[in-house]
Each structure stands twice: as C-alpha cells, then as structure tokens.
Amino acid sequence: MINSIYGRIRNFWRIKFIKDAFTLQIGSVFGTALSFLASIIYARILGPADYGVYVLIFSLVSLVGAAESWGEGYALLTLLSAAWGKRDKAEIKSLVLFFIKISLLEFVFIGLIAFILAPTVSLWLYQNSKIGQLARWILLANIIQFIFSLLTIILQSARKIKQLTLLENINKLVYLIIPVGLVLFGLGLNGIVIGNLLSSVIFLIFSIYLYSVLAKKTSLLPSIKEIFVGLRGVKITKYLKFSILIAVDKNLANFYSSLPMVFLGMFVVPENIAFFKIAFSYVGLSLISLKGVSRLLLVQLPKSRIYGMAELKKHFFKTTIYSVVIVEIVIVPMLLLAKWLVELFYGSDYSSSVTLIYIIWPYVLISAAGVGLGPLFRALDKVKVAVAINIISLVVTVPIFYLMIKNYYLLGMAITVIFSILIPILLAHLYFLRYFKKLSQ
C-alpha cells in the first residue's frame, strides 16, 4: 500500500503543470514575504497618517494606470505561447515588435498626459495635490518596466518557469532594498517614490541586457538590432483588435476594483485608510497559495480546450473547487491569530484593523472562486462577455458603493469590497454554467 501511495505521488509530481505550479508558488511565497516585510517597515516608520497617504498614492496610480494598458501583455502571453509552441520565428518577432511599439505609444499618448494631470486629479479627489505629485513618479516607474514585462512573458510562454521565478524575485528584492533603504534613511514618502523610480531604471538596463543574452541563446527571438530596424515597419493592427478587447476587460476590472479606495480617500482621514489597508493586506495573504495556479491557467486552459469541452470544463471546475478549499484551510487559522499577529508585526497603533479583518475575510473565498475565470474567458474567446459583465457591475453598483462609503465609512468600505468582487464572479459563473449546460444538450 505504501508503494502504491508513493507511486501515485511520484506520477503526480511528474505532471509538468504541477511542477511548474509548485515552482511559481515557491516564488510567490518569497515575493509576498518581501512585500509583507516592506509593508511592516513602511507602516511602523511612517505611522498611520503617512501610511494612509502612501496607500492613496498607489491607489491613484492604480486608478490612472487602468487607462494606460492596451492589453498588450495578456495578448502577447496568449499569442506568443502558441507561436513558441509552433517554433514560428516570424510570428514571434512580429509579436515582440508589436508589444514594444504599443508600450512606447502608450507612454507617448497616455503616460505623459497622466504624468502631467496626476496632481490636478489628486487635488480634485482628495484636496491634496502632493499625492498626485508623488504618484506621477510611480506612474513613470511603472511605464519603464515594459522590457521587464516582455522578458517575463517570454519566459512564461517558453515554460522556463525556474528562470522566470528567479528573475521576478530578483526584481522584488531590488524593489524592497532600495525604497526601504531610503525610508530607513529618513526620506519617508519621498524615499518610497524615489526608490521605486531608481529600481525601475536599474531594471530597465538589466532587462535589456538579459534580453540580449536570451536572444543569443535561442534563434527564435529577434536581436536588439532587429528590433530597432523593424520597429517602424511593424503593423500593430494585426493584433490590436484582440489586444484592445482584453484591455477593455482588464481595465474595466482594475478601474472597478480601484474605485472603493478612491471613494474612501474622499471621506475619511488617512489613518482610517491605513487601518483598512492593513486588514485587506492581511486577509489577502491567504491568496498566495493560488498565485502560481492562476498564472499557469492562462496557458493551461487554452491547451485543455484542444482535448474537448468536457476536459476544459472538468479542469476549470476542479481548479475552482480546490482553490476555494485551499484558501479556506489557510484563512481559518489566520482569523484566529489575527489580533496577536497584527499587533506583533504592525504594532498596537494598528489594532483597529483587526475588527475589519473579521468583516472582510469572505473576500478571499470569493476571489478563490474566480481564479480561473479570466483564462477561461480567453480560452473560449468570450472576452466580450467578460467586458459586458464588468460594464453591468460598474453601472449598477458604483453609485451604491459610493453612498455606502460616504455614509458608513469603513464599514461601508468593507461591505463594498466584498460585493465588488462577488457580483462579477457570480455573474461569470452563472454564465458558464448556462454555457456548458447548452453544450451538453
């Protein structure tokens, strides 16, 4: 019997998806640990007031950033995976050039406008232009990361998961060491902003070097010279329709998820924002167990479709059930230890976060139920349905969420966050239940 169990475990481990998911999971744990460490240092040194301002800076970046992406990242990952599998050098070159050209166009037509208008937007929302003045440099830092993003997509498409995990965690380590170092040096919020910008510049140079090394090792990728020569002549319209459709879906979802924090910043003092951020980040730690699975499903579900709809349906629903069970197992002890852990790591100044943790924890179970929805929409070429769901959710619920937060503050925010993810995920699951039922008839 022992030999039988051992044999099953060995066969299970031989599945490439399992090995890759485990590798990504290890990387996610390390990366999340770094982010958690940074949040502790920022919270303790800045104090609740400045930490709340820090949250608003990145909330504004997230809100404005929703308009900056044209979906090139997700489009590239979907299309490059297929091209890499076929060893289609011409298509790979075309896709790489498309991604770089779109990224540059985003910078010229959207990034610069966002950079200029950020202080005005923050003055209108929060009556504080300093938030926008600091946010504009984070926006710039995010824009110049596009070569690093290209590298990670190439490695993921080629299923070089170990190299991908190593690269991403080096990136996270740099983004921890430099900003945290400047904060510890006494630069406060300015240190976080300068540190993020310096880290982006360093990684831009490092990413260009790594790409050139990778291009020399494989004949499938265009060289740096080929990119410069071919950039002007590449036609982006070939992929733009697919890319824009994904962008509308993702940007609506990001905009929708960013609004509650924007509303909260309009009606409460920064200290209360800090309390909510700590609570939300704490329960969000339980989702770390799903990060590797979520990313691999972007590649795996399109492959499952090749074997038929029954196989695709089985993989999707099994993954959904397992994800919810895993997160439930993780979140229960976290809730029991919440008071002790929050005060241990963040200090007694943030003890007000504990009550919020007990209210918002269902958010993570609902999130787990939606882990495979995005990849499934793309695998079935149903991105238009995802867009429709996001538009319905946005139009119907945003006025309600605004009034909830305006009148009930943190309690309204907690309820809003739960329902902001429950409604689109519920609508998506109802759609797919009906969709698969029709196919089986």
Protein backbone atom coordinates (compact mmCIF):
# COMPACT_ATOMS: atom_id res chain seq x y z
CA MET A 1 0.00 0.00 0.00
CA ILE A 2 2.87 2.36 0.85
CA ASN A 3 4.45 1.63 -2.53
CA SER A 4 1.13 2.38 -4.22
CA ILE A 5 0.82 5.75 -2.47
CA TYR A 6 4.44 6.56 -3.27
CA GLY A 7 3.85 5.64 -6.91
CA ARG A 8 0.83 7.92 -7.13
CA ILE A 9 2.75 10.81 -5.60
CA ARG A 10 5.65 10.25 -8.00
CA ASN A 11 3.32 10.15 -11.01
CA PHE A 12 1.54 13.26 -9.75
CA TRP A 13 4.85 15.09 -9.41
CA ARG A 14 5.84 14.14 -12.97
CA ILE A 15 2.99 16.26 -14.35
CA LYS A 16 4.65 19.40 -15.74
CA PHE A 17 1.75 21.65 -14.71
CA ILE A 18 2.14 20.51 -11.09
CA LYS A 19 5.91 21.05 -11.09
CA ASP A 20 5.60 24.46 -12.69
CA ALA A 21 2.79 25.49 -10.34
CA PHE A 22 4.88 24.44 -7.35
CA THR A 23 7.89 26.41 -8.60
CA LEU A 24 5.78 29.52 -9.15
CA GLN A 25 4.21 29.00 -5.75
CA ILE A 26 7.59 28.99 -4.04
CA GLY A 27 8.42 32.19 -5.88
CA SER A 28 5.09 33.72 -4.87
CA VAL A 29 5.69 32.92 -1.22
CA PHE A 30 9.12 34.56 -1.33
CA GLY A 31 7.81 37.58 -3.23
CA THR A 32 4.85 38.02 -0.91
CA ALA A 33 7.14 37.73 2.11
CA LEU A 34 9.24 40.59 0.73
CA SER A 35 6.14 42.74 0.13
CA PHE A 36 4.86 41.91 3.62
CA LEU A 37 8.20 42.90 5.14
CA ALA A 38 8.17 46.19 3.24
CA SER A 39 4.61 46.96 4.40
CA ILE A 40 5.60 46.36 8.03
CA ILE A 41 8.58 48.70 7.76
CA TYR A 42 6.56 51.40 6.00
CA ALA A 43 3.67 51.14 8.48
CA ARG A 44 5.91 51.31 11.55
CA ILE A 45 8.18 54.12 10.34
CA LEU A 46 5.59 56.28 8.56
CA GLY A 47 2.84 55.87 11.17
CA PRO A 48 -0.88 55.56 10.36
CA ALA A 49 -1.27 59.06 8.86
CA ASP A 50 1.58 58.91 6.33
CA TYR A 51 0.97 55.23 5.67
CA GLY A 52 -2.58 56.17 4.70
CA VAL A 53 -1.17 58.76 2.28
CA TYR A 54 1.14 56.07 0.88
CA VAL A 55 -1.92 53.89 0.21
CA LEU A 56 -3.67 56.79 -1.56
CA ILE A 57 -0.63 57.40 -3.78
CA PHE A 58 -0.67 53.84 -5.06
CA SER A 59 -4.47 53.84 -5.24
CA LEU A 60 -4.29 56.85 -7.56
CA VAL A 61 -1.60 55.12 -9.62
CA SER A 62 -3.85 52.08 -9.94
CA LEU A 63 -6.81 54.22 -10.98
CA VAL A 64 -4.90 56.20 -13.60
CA GLY A 65 -2.95 53.13 -14.68
CA ALA A 66 -6.22 51.45 -15.69
CA ALA A 67 -6.22 53.69 -18.77
CA GLU A 68 -2.57 53.11 -19.66
CA SER A 69 -2.69 49.48 -20.75
CA TRP A 70 -3.99 48.45 -24.16
CA GLY A 71 -3.95 44.78 -23.23
CA GLU A 72 -0.65 44.05 -24.96
CA GLY A 73 0.68 41.96 -22.07
CA TYR A 74 -2.19 39.47 -21.94
CA ALA A 75 -2.46 39.41 -25.74
CA LEU A 76 1.26 38.69 -26.05
CA LEU A 77 1.11 35.89 -23.48
CA THR A 78 -1.81 34.22 -25.25
CA LEU A 79 -0.42 34.55 -28.80
CA LEU A 80 3.27 34.08 -28.00
CA SER A 81 2.60 30.77 -26.22
CA ALA A 82 1.04 29.39 -29.41
CA ALA A 83 3.79 30.82 -31.65
CA TRP A 84 6.51 29.46 -29.39
CA GLY A 85 4.93 26.03 -29.43
CA LYS A 86 4.97 26.08 -33.25
CA ARG A 87 8.55 27.46 -33.31
CA ASP A 88 7.27 30.20 -35.60
CA LYS A 89 10.18 32.66 -35.63
CA ALA A 90 8.48 35.20 -37.91
CA GLU A 91 5.35 35.34 -35.73
CA ILE A 92 7.43 35.62 -32.54
CA LYS A 93 9.38 38.55 -33.99
CA SER A 94 6.17 40.24 -35.07
CA LEU A 95 4.65 39.81 -31.60
CA VAL A 96 7.73 41.14 -29.80
CA LEU A 97 7.82 44.21 -32.04
CA PHE A 98 4.08 44.72 -31.53
CA PHE A 99 4.48 44.66 -27.74
CA ILE A 100 7.37 47.14 -27.72
CA LYS A 101 5.71 49.53 -30.17
CA ILE A 102 2.41 49.51 -28.28
CA SER A 103 4.25 50.14 -24.99
CA LEU A 104 6.03 53.15 -26.48
CA LEU A 105 2.79 54.52 -27.93
CA GLU A 106 1.10 54.16 -24.53
CA PHE A 107 3.90 56.20 -22.99
CA VAL A 108 3.60 58.99 -25.58
CA PHE A 109 -0.20 59.25 -25.80
CA ILE A 110 -1.32 58.29 -22.28
CA GLY A 111 1.65 58.13 -19.92
CA LEU A 112 2.75 61.73 -20.44
CA ILE A 113 -0.81 63.03 -20.05
CA ALA A 114 -1.22 61.05 -16.81
CA PHE A 115 2.14 62.37 -15.59
CA ILE A 116 1.04 65.97 -16.16
CA LEU A 117 -2.52 65.65 -14.80
CA ALA A 118 -1.88 63.49 -11.70
CA PRO A 119 -1.56 66.44 -9.24
CA THR A 120 -4.76 68.02 -10.63
CA VAL A 121 -6.66 64.73 -10.28
CA SER A 122 -5.50 64.22 -6.66
CA LEU A 123 -6.40 67.84 -5.82
CA TRP A 124 -9.90 67.23 -7.16
CA LEU A 125 -10.34 63.89 -5.38
CA TYR A 126 -8.53 64.45 -2.08
CA GLN A 127 -7.95 68.22 -1.93
CA ASN A 128 -4.26 67.34 -1.81
CA SER A 129 -2.04 67.86 -4.87
CA LYS A 130 1.02 66.35 -3.14
CA ILE A 131 -0.47 62.87 -3.53
CA GLY A 132 -0.55 63.37 -7.31
CA GLN A 133 2.92 64.93 -7.37
CA LEU A 134 4.33 61.79 -5.78
CA ALA A 135 2.10 59.44 -7.76
CA ARG A 136 3.33 60.79 -11.11
CA TRP A 137 6.82 59.38 -10.45
CA ILE A 138 5.37 55.96 -9.61
CA LEU A 139 3.43 56.14 -12.89
CA LEU A 140 6.67 56.83 -14.73
CA ALA A 141 8.40 53.99 -12.90
CA ASN A 142 5.64 51.59 -13.92
CA ILE A 143 5.81 52.63 -17.58
CA ILE A 144 9.53 51.96 -17.99
CA GLN A 145 9.13 48.41 -16.71
CA PHE A 146 7.85 47.24 -20.11
CA ILE A 147 11.09 45.46 -21.10
CA PHE A 148 11.00 43.52 -17.85
CA SER A 149 7.36 42.62 -18.56
CA LEU A 150 8.39 41.43 -22.04
CA LEU A 151 11.06 39.19 -20.51
CA THR A 152 8.67 37.58 -18.03
CA ILE A 153 6.10 36.89 -20.78
CA ILE A 154 8.76 35.27 -22.99
CA LEU A 155 9.95 33.05 -20.15
CA GLN A 156 6.38 32.07 -19.23
CA SER A 157 5.47 31.33 -22.86
CA ALA A 158 8.58 29.18 -23.23
CA ARG A 159 7.70 27.47 -19.90
CA LYS A 160 11.08 28.40 -18.42
CA ILE A 161 9.46 28.62 -15.01
CA LYS A 162 12.59 28.36 -12.86
CA GLN A 163 14.25 31.25 -14.69
CA LEU A 164 11.00 33.24 -14.56
CA THR A 165 10.66 32.73 -10.81
CA LEU A 166 14.28 33.71 -10.18
CA LEU A 167 14.02 36.86 -12.31
CA GLU A 168 10.78 38.02 -10.69
CA ASN A 169 12.13 37.58 -7.19
CA ILE A 170 15.34 39.45 -8.01
CA ASN A 171 13.06 42.24 -9.21
CA LYS A 172 11.06 42.18 -5.99
CA LEU A 173 14.25 42.13 -3.92
CA VAL A 174 15.54 45.26 -5.68
CA TYR A 175 12.17 46.97 -5.16
CA LEU A 176 12.43 46.12 -1.46
CA ILE A 177 16.04 47.05 -0.77
CA ILE A 178 16.20 50.47 -2.43
CA PRO A 179 12.87 52.06 -1.30
CA VAL A 180 13.05 50.55 2.19
CA GLY A 181 16.68 51.66 2.50
CA LEU A 182 15.71 55.24 1.65
CA VAL A 183 12.80 55.14 4.11
CA LEU A 184 15.10 53.85 6.86
CA PHE A 185 17.50 56.65 5.92
CA GLY A 186 14.74 59.11 6.83
CA LEU A 187 13.29 60.17 3.48
CA GLY A 188 9.75 58.98 4.29
CA LEU A 189 7.24 59.03 1.43
CA ASN A 190 9.79 60.67 -0.86
CA GLY A 191 12.09 57.72 -0.23
CA ILE A 192 9.43 55.24 -1.40
CA VAL A 193 8.81 57.21 -4.59
CA ILE A 194 12.49 57.81 -5.41
CA GLY A 195 13.29 54.21 -4.56
CA ASN A 196 10.65 52.86 -6.93
CA LEU A 197 11.86 55.09 -9.76
CA LEU A 198 15.53 54.14 -9.21
CA SER A 199 14.59 50.46 -9.11
CA SER A 200 12.74 50.78 -12.42
CA VAL A 201 15.69 52.48 -14.12
CA ILE A 202 18.09 49.82 -12.83
CA PHE A 203 15.82 47.03 -14.01
CA LEU A 204 15.27 48.66 -17.40
CA ILE A 205 19.02 48.48 -18.05
CA PHE A 206 19.27 44.98 -16.55
CA SER A 207 16.30 43.73 -18.59
CA ILE A 208 17.74 44.98 -21.87
CA TYR A 209 20.98 43.14 -21.09
CA LEU A 210 19.13 39.93 -20.15
CA TYR A 211 17.03 40.07 -23.30
CA SER A 212 20.14 40.36 -25.47
CA VAL A 213 21.64 37.32 -23.71
CA LEU A 214 18.41 35.34 -24.15
CA ALA A 215 18.16 36.31 -27.85
CA LYS A 216 21.69 34.97 -28.45
CA LYS A 217 20.79 31.63 -26.84
CA THR A 218 17.74 30.99 -28.98
CA SER A 219 17.22 31.61 -32.67
CA LEU A 220 13.50 32.29 -32.11
CA LEU A 221 13.86 35.77 -30.64
CA PRO A 222 14.80 38.87 -32.66
CA SER A 223 18.06 40.54 -31.68
CA ILE A 224 18.23 44.09 -30.29
CA LYS A 225 19.39 45.28 -33.72
CA GLU A 226 16.46 43.54 -35.45
CA ILE A 227 14.06 45.22 -33.04
CA PHE A 228 15.43 48.71 -33.78
CA VAL A 229 15.35 48.10 -37.53
CA GLY A 230 11.89 46.51 -37.59
CA LEU A 231 10.10 48.70 -35.06
CA ARG A 232 8.97 51.37 -37.51
CA GLY A 233 7.63 48.92 -40.08
CA VAL A 234 5.71 46.55 -37.78
CA LYS A 235 1.93 46.65 -38.25
CA ILE A 236 0.16 46.72 -34.92
CA THR A 237 -3.33 46.38 -36.41
CA LYS A 238 -2.83 42.62 -36.83
CA TYR A 239 -3.06 42.08 -33.08
CA LEU A 240 -4.63 45.33 -31.89
CA LYS A 241 -8.27 44.20 -32.02
CA PHE A 242 -7.55 41.19 -29.80
CA SER A 243 -5.34 43.29 -27.52
CA ILE A 244 -7.86 46.13 -27.13
CA LEU A 245 -10.67 43.73 -26.26
CA ILE A 246 -8.58 42.23 -23.47
CA ALA A 247 -7.58 45.76 -22.38
CA VAL A 248 -11.20 46.85 -22.06
CA ASP A 249 -11.93 43.78 -19.93
CA LYS A 250 -8.88 44.16 -17.65
CA ASN A 251 -9.00 47.93 -17.40
CA LEU A 252 -12.69 47.93 -16.50
CA ALA A 253 -11.97 45.32 -13.82
CA ASN A 254 -9.00 47.31 -12.48
CA PHE A 255 -10.94 50.57 -12.57
CA TYR A 256 -13.86 48.90 -10.79
CA SER A 257 -11.64 47.47 -8.07
CA SER A 258 -9.76 50.78 -7.59
CA LEU A 259 -12.84 52.95 -7.09
CA PRO A 260 -13.71 51.90 -3.50
CA MET A 261 -10.32 53.06 -2.20
CA VAL A 262 -10.69 56.31 -4.12
CA PHE A 263 -14.12 56.86 -2.53
CA LEU A 264 -12.74 56.02 0.92
CA GLY A 265 -9.96 58.59 0.48
CA MET A 266 -12.60 61.23 -0.22
CA PHE A 267 -14.46 60.74 3.06
CA VAL A 268 -12.07 59.52 5.78
CA VAL A 269 -8.74 60.63 7.23
CA PRO A 270 -5.53 58.83 6.13
CA GLU A 271 -5.29 56.93 9.45
CA ASN A 272 -8.51 55.06 8.69
CA ILE A 273 -7.25 54.25 5.21
CA ALA A 274 -4.14 52.75 6.80
CA PHE A 275 -6.30 50.55 9.07
CA PHE A 276 -8.28 49.24 6.13
CA LYS A 277 -5.16 48.63 4.05
CA ILE A 278 -3.57 46.55 6.81
CA ALA A 279 -6.76 44.48 7.19
CA PHE A 280 -7.11 43.94 3.46
CA SER A 281 -3.45 43.00 3.02
CA TYR A 282 -3.65 40.59 5.94
CA VAL A 283 -6.57 38.55 4.59
CA GLY A 284 -5.05 38.78 1.11
CA LEU A 285 -2.05 36.78 2.31
CA SER A 286 -4.23 33.66 2.16
CA LEU A 287 -4.46 34.02 -1.63
CA ILE A 288 -0.72 33.48 -2.00
CA SER A 289 -1.42 29.75 -2.38
CA LEU A 290 -3.23 30.42 -5.69
CA LYS A 291 -0.86 32.77 -7.49
CA GLY A 292 1.09 30.06 -9.30
CA VAL A 293 -2.08 28.23 -10.33
CA SER A 294 -3.72 31.41 -11.61
CA ARG A 295 -0.81 32.26 -13.88
CA LEU A 296 -0.41 28.77 -15.29
CA LEU A 297 -4.11 28.57 -16.11
CA LEU A 298 -3.52 31.34 -18.66
CA VAL A 299 -1.55 28.78 -20.65
CA GLN A 300 -3.16 25.52 -19.45
CA LEU A 301 -6.85 26.18 -20.17
CA PRO A 302 -6.27 27.01 -23.86
CA LYS A 303 -4.41 23.69 -24.09
CA SER A 304 -7.25 21.84 -22.31
CA ARG A 305 -9.66 23.12 -24.96
CA ILE A 306 -7.74 21.18 -27.60
CA TYR A 307 -8.86 17.93 -25.91
CA GLY A 308 -12.51 18.96 -25.95
CA MET A 309 -15.02 20.99 -23.97
CA ALA A 310 -15.62 18.21 -21.44
CA GLU A 311 -11.93 18.27 -20.50
CA LEU A 312 -11.88 22.05 -20.31
CA LYS A 313 -14.99 22.11 -18.10
CA LYS A 314 -13.53 19.46 -15.78
CA HIS A 315 -10.22 21.31 -15.38
CA PHE A 316 -11.92 24.63 -14.72
CA PHE A 317 -14.42 23.45 -12.09
CA LYS A 318 -11.93 21.16 -10.34
CA THR A 319 -9.45 24.04 -10.09
CA THR A 320 -12.18 26.33 -8.74
CA ILE A 321 -13.26 23.88 -6.02
CA TYR A 322 -9.69 23.07 -4.96
CA SER A 323 -8.83 26.77 -4.84
CA VAL A 324 -11.73 27.61 -2.50
CA VAL A 325 -10.91 24.68 -0.21
CA ILE A 326 -7.21 25.61 -0.03
CA VAL A 327 -7.93 29.25 0.82
CA GLU A 328 -10.50 28.24 3.45
CA ILE A 329 -7.93 26.00 5.14
CA VAL A 330 -5.42 28.87 5.19
CA ILE A 331 -7.74 31.69 6.29
CA VAL A 332 -9.25 29.98 9.37
CA PRO A 333 -6.05 29.93 11.49
CA MET A 334 -5.21 33.41 10.23
CA LEU A 335 -8.51 34.69 11.63
CA LEU A 336 -7.90 33.01 14.97
CA LEU A 337 -4.47 34.61 15.26
CA ALA A 338 -5.38 37.97 13.70
CA LYS A 339 -5.27 40.17 16.81
CA TRP A 340 -1.98 38.78 18.02
CA LEU A 341 -0.27 38.82 14.61
CA VAL A 342 -1.36 42.36 13.65
CA GLU A 343 -0.09 43.82 16.92
CA LEU A 344 3.09 41.74 16.70
CA PHE A 345 4.03 42.85 13.21
CA TYR A 346 2.46 46.30 12.83
CA GLY A 347 2.18 47.45 16.43
CA SER A 348 -0.69 48.44 18.70
CA ASP A 349 -1.29 51.61 16.65
CA TYR A 350 -2.94 49.40 14.02
CA SER A 351 -5.11 47.27 16.33
CA SER A 352 -8.24 48.86 14.82
CA SER A 353 -7.51 46.78 11.70
CA VAL A 354 -8.48 43.55 13.48
CA THR A 355 -12.21 44.31 13.53
CA LEU A 356 -12.08 44.96 9.77
CA ILE A 357 -10.30 41.63 9.22
CA TYR A 358 -13.22 39.80 10.81
CA ILE A 359 -15.62 41.57 8.42
CA ILE A 360 -13.82 41.36 5.07
CA TRP A 361 -12.39 37.81 5.20
CA PRO A 362 -15.12 36.37 2.85
CA TYR A 363 -13.46 38.44 0.12
CA VAL A 364 -10.67 35.87 -0.25
CA LEU A 365 -13.02 32.89 -0.58
CA ILE A 366 -14.93 34.68 -3.33
CA SER A 367 -11.63 35.59 -5.02
CA ALA A 368 -10.59 31.93 -4.94
CA ALA A 369 -13.82 31.01 -6.75
CA GLY A 370 -12.82 33.33 -9.58
CA VAL A 371 -9.23 32.14 -10.03
CA GLY A 372 -9.82 30.56 -13.45
CA LEU A 373 -12.47 32.87 -14.90
CA GLY A 374 -10.15 35.21 -16.81
CA PRO A 375 -8.21 32.39 -18.50
CA LEU A 376 -11.50 30.61 -19.30
CA PHE A 377 -13.00 33.68 -20.99
CA ARG A 378 -9.90 33.94 -23.18
CA ALA A 379 -9.65 30.21 -23.88
CA LEU A 380 -13.25 30.23 -25.18
CA ASP A 381 -12.83 33.57 -26.97
CA LYS A 382 -15.59 35.05 -24.80
CA VAL A 383 -13.80 38.22 -23.71
CA LYS A 384 -16.79 40.28 -24.93
CA VAL A 385 -18.92 38.54 -22.31
CA ALA A 386 -16.38 39.45 -19.61
CA VAL A 387 -16.49 43.07 -20.78
CA ALA A 388 -20.30 43.06 -20.62
CA ILE A 389 -20.23 41.65 -17.07
CA ASN A 390 -17.77 44.32 -15.95
CA ILE A 391 -19.86 47.11 -17.52
CA ILE A 392 -23.05 45.81 -15.86
CA SER A 393 -21.29 45.55 -12.50
CA LEU A 394 -19.82 49.05 -12.86
CA VAL A 395 -23.04 50.79 -13.88
CA VAL A 396 -25.31 49.07 -11.37
CA THR A 397 -23.14 49.01 -8.25
CA VAL A 398 -20.80 52.04 -8.28
CA PRO A 399 -23.47 54.58 -7.18
CA ILE A 400 -24.49 52.22 -4.37
CA PHE A 401 -20.88 51.71 -3.30
CA TYR A 402 -20.29 55.47 -3.31
CA LEU A 403 -23.24 56.04 -0.97
CA MET A 404 -22.25 53.12 1.27
CA ILE A 405 -18.76 54.50 1.81
CA LYS A 406 -19.94 58.10 2.13
CA ASN A 407 -22.47 57.22 4.85
CA TYR A 408 -20.89 54.26 6.66
CA TYR A 409 -17.15 54.89 6.11
CA LEU A 410 -15.02 51.84 6.99
CA LEU A 411 -18.00 49.51 7.45
CA GLY A 412 -19.38 50.65 4.10
CA MET A 413 -15.94 50.10 2.56
CA ALA A 414 -15.74 46.55 3.94
CA ILE A 415 -19.17 45.64 2.55
CA THR A 416 -18.36 47.35 -0.75
CA VAL A 417 -15.11 45.41 -1.24
CA ILE A 418 -16.89 42.08 -0.68
CA PHE A 419 -19.74 42.82 -3.08
CA SER A 420 -17.46 44.43 -5.68
CA ILE A 421 -15.86 41.04 -6.28
CA LEU A 422 -18.90 38.86 -5.51
CA ILE A 423 -21.15 40.36 -8.20
CA PRO A 424 -18.89 39.96 -11.29
CA ILE A 425 -17.69 36.49 -10.20
CA LEU A 426 -21.25 35.33 -9.54
CA LEU A 427 -22.43 36.61 -12.93
CA ALA A 428 -19.49 34.93 -14.68
CA HIS A 429 -20.14 31.55 -13.01
CA LEU A 430 -23.84 31.73 -13.88
CA TYR A 431 -22.91 32.43 -17.48
CA PHE A 432 -20.53 29.46 -17.72
CA LEU A 433 -22.96 27.09 -16.00
CA ARG A 434 -25.52 28.00 -18.64
CA TYR A 435 -22.90 27.84 -21.41
CA PHE A 436 -21.69 24.33 -20.55
CA LYS A 437 -25.25 23.12 -19.97
CA LYS A 438 -26.18 24.20 -23.52
CA LEU A 439 -23.15 22.38 -24.95
CA SER A 440 -24.12 19.14 -23.20
CA GLN A 441 -27.67 19.17 -24.57
